[in-house]
Amino acid sequence: MRDGHAYLNRNAQHLANRMIEDSDRLGINYSRGSTGEHMIDAGASCQGSVDAGLRIVEICMGGLGTVSATLGAGKWPYVVNVRSSQPVLACLASQYAGWNLSHEKYFAMGSGPARSLARVEPLFDQILYREPDAESAVVVLETATPPPAAIVEKVSKATGFTPEKLTFIFAPTQSLTGAVQIVGRVLEVAMHKAHDLKFPLGDIVDGAGRAPIPAPHPDFLKAMGRTNDAIIYGGTVQLFVRGSSAAARRLAEQLPSHTSRDHGQPFADIFKKFKGDFYAIDPHLFSPAEVIVTAIETGDTFRNGAIHDAMLEQSLG
């Protein structure tokens, strides 16, 4: 795994500053919080946009990913494309929503490069990355409510930065911005499942993914269902890995979402079946529908899974 001088937070801060400069064009709002923190509302009290969602994906990946939206063919032609030549850092050290930022009735999972400074998650026992000379930190929250002062203080203590050096970006799942930034995690969920499958992280050297952008919905459960289904039943990922062909083949066989016991129903129905207990759902469900794994040292490529049009029809309409 290359940890080098990736500067996740420095990259993300530069991108966040550009979001603020372009706030009118992106349909977002910028303000300062009660303790001086920077707040970017990307879809809660404002309309947001596809472009705002794409910018957030770039920020979540600490500037180590290339993100775009393209229009192709088929019933769900508008897709998010994500790729990275440092997918471990971009996806696991930064983009993964693994930091529990809750206080009283407020709940949110934090993603973005501030996680690599806080290092409060067990995942960082396996990621050696340290950012030299970080001067600020950026956190992304999937929520309609800005973080309260207690959460700002928690992030401040964990990262070592005063609130004036912190930028919080938030957008609800129900917004267009939120829909884009969630399906922009298609490569990240593949990386996280590869980690769960004990595939050596250092052997994943490059990756790319795509997933359709679903229509936003005002109902949270339906919006959450659509964004998850876009990846689970409509996402495609290709990984380039070091190591043997046998290891690449095993990864391809195990990685797609159809290997999960809960595969085969719209995500909203699965969520209701487990009475809203997100953690009761088989974690192996959270992966792309279709996977391609290339062993770069042997030249062999292995494919498994497929886009599930019937499930997309039920969920995305």
Protein backbone atom coordinates (compact mmCIF):
# COMPACT_ATOMS: atom_id res chain seq x y z
CA MET A 1 0.00 0.00 0.00
CA ARG A 2 1.44 3.36 -0.99
CA ASP A 3 1.07 5.82 1.84
CA GLY A 4 3.72 8.31 0.62
CA HIS A 5 2.62 11.92 0.69
CA ALA A 6 -1.04 11.60 -0.23
CA TYR A 7 -2.14 14.62 1.88
CA LEU A 8 -5.77 13.53 2.15
CA ASN A 9 -6.97 16.45 4.27
CA ARG A 10 -4.98 19.05 2.38
CA ASN A 11 -6.47 17.83 -0.89
CA ALA A 12 -9.96 17.71 0.59
CA GLN A 13 -9.66 21.20 2.07
CA HIS A 14 -8.69 22.60 -1.30
CA LEU A 15 -11.73 20.92 -2.87
CA ALA A 16 -14.01 22.11 -0.05
CA ASN A 17 -12.80 25.68 -0.49
CA ARG A 18 -13.66 25.45 -4.18
CA MET A 19 -17.14 24.20 -3.25
CA ILE A 20 -17.62 27.29 -1.10
CA GLU A 21 -16.46 29.54 -3.92
CA ASP A 22 -18.90 27.84 -6.30
CA SER A 23 -21.79 27.62 -3.83
CA ASP A 24 -24.30 29.52 -5.98
CA ARG A 25 -23.63 27.36 -9.03
CA LEU A 26 -23.75 24.16 -6.98
CA GLY A 27 -26.98 25.08 -5.18
CA ILE A 28 -25.44 24.80 -1.70
CA ASN A 29 -25.16 27.03 1.39
CA TYR A 30 -22.06 27.97 3.37
CA SER A 31 -22.00 29.30 6.93
CA ARG A 32 -19.93 29.34 10.13
CA GLY A 33 -21.05 27.36 13.15
CA SER A 34 -21.38 28.58 16.71
CA THR A 35 -17.78 27.73 17.57
CA GLY A 36 -16.27 28.89 14.29
CA GLU A 37 -16.43 25.66 12.31
CA HIS A 38 -17.10 25.81 8.57
CA MET A 39 -20.47 24.35 7.51
CA ILE A 40 -21.41 23.38 3.97
CA ASP A 41 -25.09 22.47 3.61
CA ALA A 42 -25.17 20.58 0.33
CA GLY A 43 -28.83 19.56 0.24
CA ALA A 44 -30.71 20.00 3.54
CA SER A 45 -32.06 23.57 3.41
CA CYS A 46 -31.04 23.99 -0.23
CA GLN A 47 -31.60 22.13 -3.48
CA GLY A 48 -28.07 20.83 -4.02
CA SER A 49 -27.10 19.28 -7.34
CA VAL A 50 -25.44 16.39 -9.14
CA ASP A 51 -22.29 18.49 -9.34
CA ALA A 52 -22.34 19.05 -5.58
CA GLY A 53 -22.61 15.28 -5.07
CA LEU A 54 -19.67 14.63 -7.38
CA ARG A 55 -17.59 17.22 -5.50
CA ILE A 56 -18.41 15.51 -2.21
CA VAL A 57 -17.29 12.14 -3.59
CA GLU A 58 -13.95 13.71 -4.52
CA ILE A 59 -13.65 15.22 -1.05
CA CYS A 60 -14.59 11.95 0.64
CA MET A 61 -11.80 10.26 -1.33
CA GLY A 62 -9.28 12.84 -0.13
CA GLY A 63 -8.58 14.01 -3.68
CA LEU A 64 -7.23 10.58 -4.65
CA GLY A 65 -10.15 9.67 -6.89
CA THR A 66 -11.42 10.78 -10.27
CA VAL A 67 -15.18 11.24 -10.31
CA SER A 68 -17.61 12.00 -13.12
CA ALA A 69 -21.20 11.51 -14.25
CA THR A 70 -21.93 10.27 -17.76
CA LEU A 71 -25.06 9.54 -19.76
CA GLY A 72 -25.08 6.21 -21.56
CA ALA A 73 -27.73 3.78 -22.77
CA GLY A 74 -30.41 1.69 -21.08
CA LYS A 75 -33.23 2.51 -18.66
CA TRP A 76 -30.91 3.98 -16.00
CA PRO A 77 -28.30 5.67 -18.20
CA TYR A 78 -27.09 8.42 -15.85
CA VAL A 79 -24.23 6.94 -13.86
CA VAL A 80 -21.49 7.98 -11.45
CA ASN A 81 -18.00 6.82 -12.47
CA VAL A 82 -15.29 6.57 -9.81
CA ARG A 83 -11.69 5.44 -10.11
CA SER A 84 -8.53 5.58 -8.03
CA SER A 85 -4.93 4.47 -8.33
CA GLN A 86 -4.67 4.55 -4.54
CA PRO A 87 -7.95 2.85 -3.63
CA VAL A 88 -6.95 1.76 -0.12
CA LEU A 89 -6.23 5.30 0.97
CA ALA A 90 -9.00 6.93 -1.06
CA CYS A 91 -11.74 4.47 -0.10
CA LEU A 92 -10.83 2.95 3.26
CA ALA A 93 -8.66 5.61 4.92
CA SER A 94 -10.97 8.40 3.78
CA GLN A 95 -14.30 7.69 2.06
CA TYR A 96 -15.66 4.88 4.22
CA ALA A 97 -18.36 6.08 6.65
CA GLY A 98 -16.89 4.41 9.71
CA TRP A 99 -16.73 7.12 12.39
CA ASN A 100 -19.70 7.12 14.76
CA LEU A 101 -20.53 10.76 15.44
CA SER A 102 -23.55 10.59 17.69
CA HIS A 103 -24.73 12.69 20.63
CA GLU A 104 -28.05 12.28 22.43
CA LYS A 105 -30.68 12.25 19.63
CA TYR A 106 -28.22 13.24 16.91
CA PHE A 107 -26.79 10.38 14.87
CA ALA A 108 -24.44 10.44 11.90
CA MET A 109 -21.58 8.38 10.54
CA GLY A 110 -18.58 10.43 9.60
CA SER A 111 -16.64 9.90 6.40
CA GLY A 112 -13.85 11.81 4.73
CA PRO A 113 -10.18 12.33 5.48
CA ALA A 114 -10.61 13.58 9.05
CA ARG A 115 -10.99 9.90 9.92
CA SER A 116 -7.33 9.33 9.04
CA LEU A 117 -6.35 11.92 11.66
CA ALA A 118 -8.70 10.72 14.39
CA ARG A 119 -7.82 7.04 13.83
CA VAL A 120 -10.50 5.88 16.27
CA GLU A 121 -11.66 2.94 14.12
CA PRO A 122 -10.11 -0.56 14.26
CA LEU A 123 -9.63 -0.35 10.50
CA PHE A 124 -6.69 1.99 11.07
CA ASP A 125 -4.76 -0.76 12.81
CA GLN A 126 -4.18 -2.07 9.29
CA ILE A 127 -3.70 1.22 7.46
CA LEU A 128 -0.32 2.75 8.20
CA TYR A 129 -1.03 6.10 6.57
CA ARG A 130 -0.09 9.25 8.45
CA GLU A 131 -0.67 12.67 6.93
CA PRO A 132 2.35 14.91 7.39
CA ASP A 133 1.77 18.53 8.30
CA ALA A 134 -2.04 18.53 8.10
CA GLU A 135 -3.39 22.00 8.84
CA SER A 136 -7.14 21.30 8.84
CA ALA A 137 -9.64 18.46 8.64
CA VAL A 138 -12.76 17.74 6.56
CA VAL A 139 -15.73 15.59 7.64
CA VAL A 140 -18.70 14.50 5.51
CA LEU A 141 -22.02 13.57 7.14
CA GLU A 142 -25.05 11.91 5.54
CA THR A 143 -27.70 13.84 7.43
CA ALA A 144 -30.18 16.70 7.11
CA THR A 145 -29.01 18.33 10.34
CA PRO A 146 -25.75 20.18 10.95
CA PRO A 147 -23.64 18.69 13.74
CA PRO A 148 -24.29 20.10 17.22
CA ALA A 149 -21.54 21.73 19.25
CA ALA A 150 -20.84 18.46 21.09
CA ILE A 151 -19.98 16.71 17.82
CA VAL A 152 -17.79 19.59 16.71
CA GLU A 153 -15.95 19.33 20.02
CA LYS A 154 -15.59 15.55 19.60
CA VAL A 155 -14.06 15.96 16.14
CA SER A 156 -11.85 18.78 17.39
CA LYS A 157 -10.42 16.65 20.20
CA ALA A 158 -9.94 13.60 17.98
CA THR A 159 -8.17 15.47 15.17
CA GLY A 160 -6.28 17.99 17.31
CA PHE A 161 -7.69 20.98 15.43
CA THR A 162 -9.70 23.89 16.79
CA PRO A 163 -13.21 24.27 15.30
CA GLU A 164 -11.99 27.07 13.02
CA LYS A 165 -9.85 24.46 11.25
CA LEU A 166 -12.72 22.03 10.72
CA THR A 167 -15.06 21.80 7.72
CA PHE A 168 -18.30 19.82 7.96
CA ILE A 169 -20.20 18.95 4.78
CA PHE A 170 -23.66 17.46 5.11
CA ALA A 171 -26.50 16.39 2.82
CA PRO A 172 -29.49 14.13 3.47
CA THR A 173 -30.07 10.86 1.64
CA GLN A 174 -33.29 12.31 0.21
CA SER A 175 -31.48 15.05 -1.71
CA LEU A 176 -30.04 14.86 -5.21
CA THR A 177 -26.62 15.63 -3.73
CA GLY A 178 -27.01 12.82 -1.22
CA ALA A 179 -28.08 10.29 -3.84
CA VAL A 180 -25.00 11.03 -5.95
CA GLN A 181 -22.51 10.94 -3.09
CA ILE A 182 -23.89 7.63 -1.82
CA VAL A 183 -23.78 5.77 -5.14
CA GLY A 184 -20.32 7.30 -5.58
CA ARG A 185 -19.25 4.81 -2.90
CA VAL A 186 -19.54 1.87 -5.31
CA LEU A 187 -15.76 1.31 -5.36
CA GLU A 188 -15.51 1.88 -1.61
CA VAL A 189 -18.03 -0.85 -0.74
CA ALA A 190 -16.06 -3.30 -2.90
CA MET A 191 -12.86 -2.34 -1.09
CA HIS A 192 -14.50 -2.75 2.30
CA LYS A 193 -15.89 -6.15 1.43
CA ALA A 194 -12.48 -7.22 0.11
CA HIS A 195 -11.10 -6.25 3.51
CA ASP A 196 -13.83 -8.27 5.26
CA LEU A 197 -12.90 -11.23 3.05
CA LYS A 198 -9.29 -10.95 4.34
CA PHE A 199 -7.87 -10.12 0.92
CA PRO A 200 -4.52 -8.35 1.49
CA LEU A 201 -5.18 -4.63 1.15
CA GLY A 202 -1.67 -3.97 -0.11
CA ASP A 203 -2.36 -6.21 -3.11
CA ILE A 204 -5.16 -3.97 -4.43
CA VAL A 205 -3.36 -1.47 -6.61
CA ASP A 206 -6.08 0.16 -8.73
CA GLY A 207 -9.83 0.20 -9.06
CA ALA A 208 -12.81 1.69 -10.82
CA GLY A 209 -16.56 1.51 -10.42
CA ARG A 210 -19.86 2.82 -11.69
CA ALA A 211 -23.47 2.86 -10.49
CA PRO A 212 -26.69 4.48 -11.72
CA ILE A 213 -27.92 7.71 -10.12
CA PRO A 214 -31.40 7.04 -8.72
CA ALA A 215 -34.13 9.62 -8.53
CA PRO A 216 -34.21 11.18 -5.06
CA HIS A 217 -37.29 10.54 -2.92
CA PRO A 218 -38.65 12.59 -0.01
CA ASP A 219 -39.23 9.47 2.08
CA PHE A 220 -36.01 8.50 3.87
CA LEU A 221 -36.56 4.74 3.66
CA LYS A 222 -37.30 4.85 -0.06
CA ALA A 223 -34.35 7.16 -0.72
CA MET A 224 -32.02 4.91 1.28
CA GLY A 225 -33.37 1.86 -0.52
CA ARG A 226 -32.79 3.35 -3.94
CA THR A 227 -29.23 4.43 -3.27
CA ASN A 228 -28.26 1.06 -1.81
CA ASP A 229 -30.00 -0.86 -4.60
CA ALA A 230 -28.19 1.22 -7.22
CA ILE A 231 -24.95 -0.36 -5.96
CA ILE A 232 -26.17 -3.78 -4.82
CA TYR A 233 -28.12 -4.51 -8.01
CA GLY A 234 -26.71 -1.97 -10.47
CA GLY A 235 -23.04 -1.38 -9.57
CA THR A 236 -19.98 -2.60 -11.44
CA VAL A 237 -16.40 -2.59 -10.11
CA GLN A 238 -13.08 -3.60 -11.60
CA LEU A 239 -10.06 -4.18 -9.36
CA PHE A 240 -6.43 -4.67 -10.39
CA VAL A 241 -4.56 -6.81 -7.89
CA ARG A 242 -1.14 -8.27 -7.25
CA GLY A 243 -0.68 -11.92 -6.37
CA SER A 244 -1.72 -15.23 -7.84
CA SER A 245 -4.50 -15.90 -10.31
CA ALA A 246 -6.06 -18.22 -7.75
CA ALA A 247 -6.33 -15.38 -5.22
CA ALA A 248 -7.84 -13.07 -7.84
CA ARG A 249 -10.33 -15.75 -8.83
CA ARG A 250 -11.42 -16.28 -5.22
CA LEU A 251 -11.91 -12.56 -4.75
CA ALA A 252 -14.05 -12.34 -7.88
CA GLU A 253 -16.13 -15.29 -6.74
CA GLN A 254 -16.78 -13.87 -3.27
CA LEU A 255 -17.07 -10.14 -3.91
CA PRO A 256 -20.43 -9.58 -5.71
CA SER A 257 -23.57 -8.85 -3.71
CA HIS A 258 -25.35 -12.02 -4.88
CA THR A 259 -23.17 -14.04 -2.47
CA SER A 260 -25.10 -12.51 0.45
CA ARG A 261 -27.92 -14.41 2.15
CA ASP A 262 -30.05 -11.23 1.99
CA HIS A 263 -29.66 -10.68 -1.76
CA GLY A 264 -32.80 -10.76 -3.89
CA GLN A 265 -35.10 -8.16 -2.30
CA PRO A 266 -35.21 -4.37 -2.52
CA PHE A 267 -33.06 -2.92 0.23
CA ALA A 268 -36.00 -1.03 1.77
CA ASP A 269 -37.82 -4.34 2.23
CA ILE A 270 -34.74 -5.94 3.78
CA PHE A 271 -34.39 -2.98 6.15
CA LYS A 272 -38.02 -3.31 7.24
CA LYS A 273 -37.67 -7.08 7.66
CA PHE A 274 -34.90 -6.48 10.21
CA LYS A 275 -37.03 -3.80 11.93
CA GLY A 276 -34.62 -1.02 11.04
CA ASP A 277 -31.59 -2.71 12.60
CA PHE A 278 -28.96 -1.87 10.00
CA TYR A 279 -26.38 -4.09 11.68
CA ALA A 280 -28.62 -7.19 11.49
CA ILE A 281 -28.34 -7.13 7.70
CA ASP A 282 -25.67 -9.40 6.25
CA PRO A 283 -22.68 -7.06 5.72
CA HIS A 284 -21.72 -9.01 2.59
CA LEU A 285 -24.78 -7.56 0.88
CA PHE A 286 -23.05 -4.18 0.68
CA SER A 287 -21.06 -4.74 -2.49
CA PRO A 288 -21.51 -4.19 -6.23
CA ALA A 289 -23.66 -6.43 -8.40
CA GLU A 290 -20.92 -7.15 -10.92
CA VAL A 291 -17.20 -7.58 -10.30
CA ILE A 292 -14.14 -7.89 -12.53
CA VAL A 293 -10.78 -8.75 -10.95
CA THR A 294 -7.54 -8.65 -12.94
CA ALA A 295 -4.35 -10.27 -11.66
CA ILE A 296 -1.75 -7.90 -13.08
CA GLU A 297 1.19 -10.26 -12.61
CA THR A 298 -0.37 -13.09 -14.62
CA GLY A 299 -2.66 -11.19 -16.99
CA ASP A 300 -5.72 -13.21 -16.00
CA THR A 301 -9.13 -11.59 -15.52
CA PHE A 302 -12.07 -13.08 -13.63
CA ARG A 303 -15.71 -11.97 -13.75
CA ASN A 304 -18.64 -12.72 -11.50
CA GLY A 305 -22.11 -11.36 -10.82
CA ALA A 306 -24.42 -9.39 -13.08
CA ILE A 307 -26.61 -6.30 -13.15
CA HIS A 308 -30.02 -7.26 -11.73
CA ASP A 309 -32.51 -5.38 -13.92
CA ALA A 310 -35.58 -6.84 -12.23
CA MET A 311 -34.52 -5.55 -8.82
CA LEU A 312 -33.60 -2.15 -10.24
CA GLU A 313 -37.05 -1.99 -11.82
CA GLN A 314 -38.68 -2.59 -8.45
CA SER A 315 -36.54 -0.07 -6.62
CA LEU A 316 -35.55 2.66 -9.06
CA GLY A 317 -38.67 2.44 -11.25
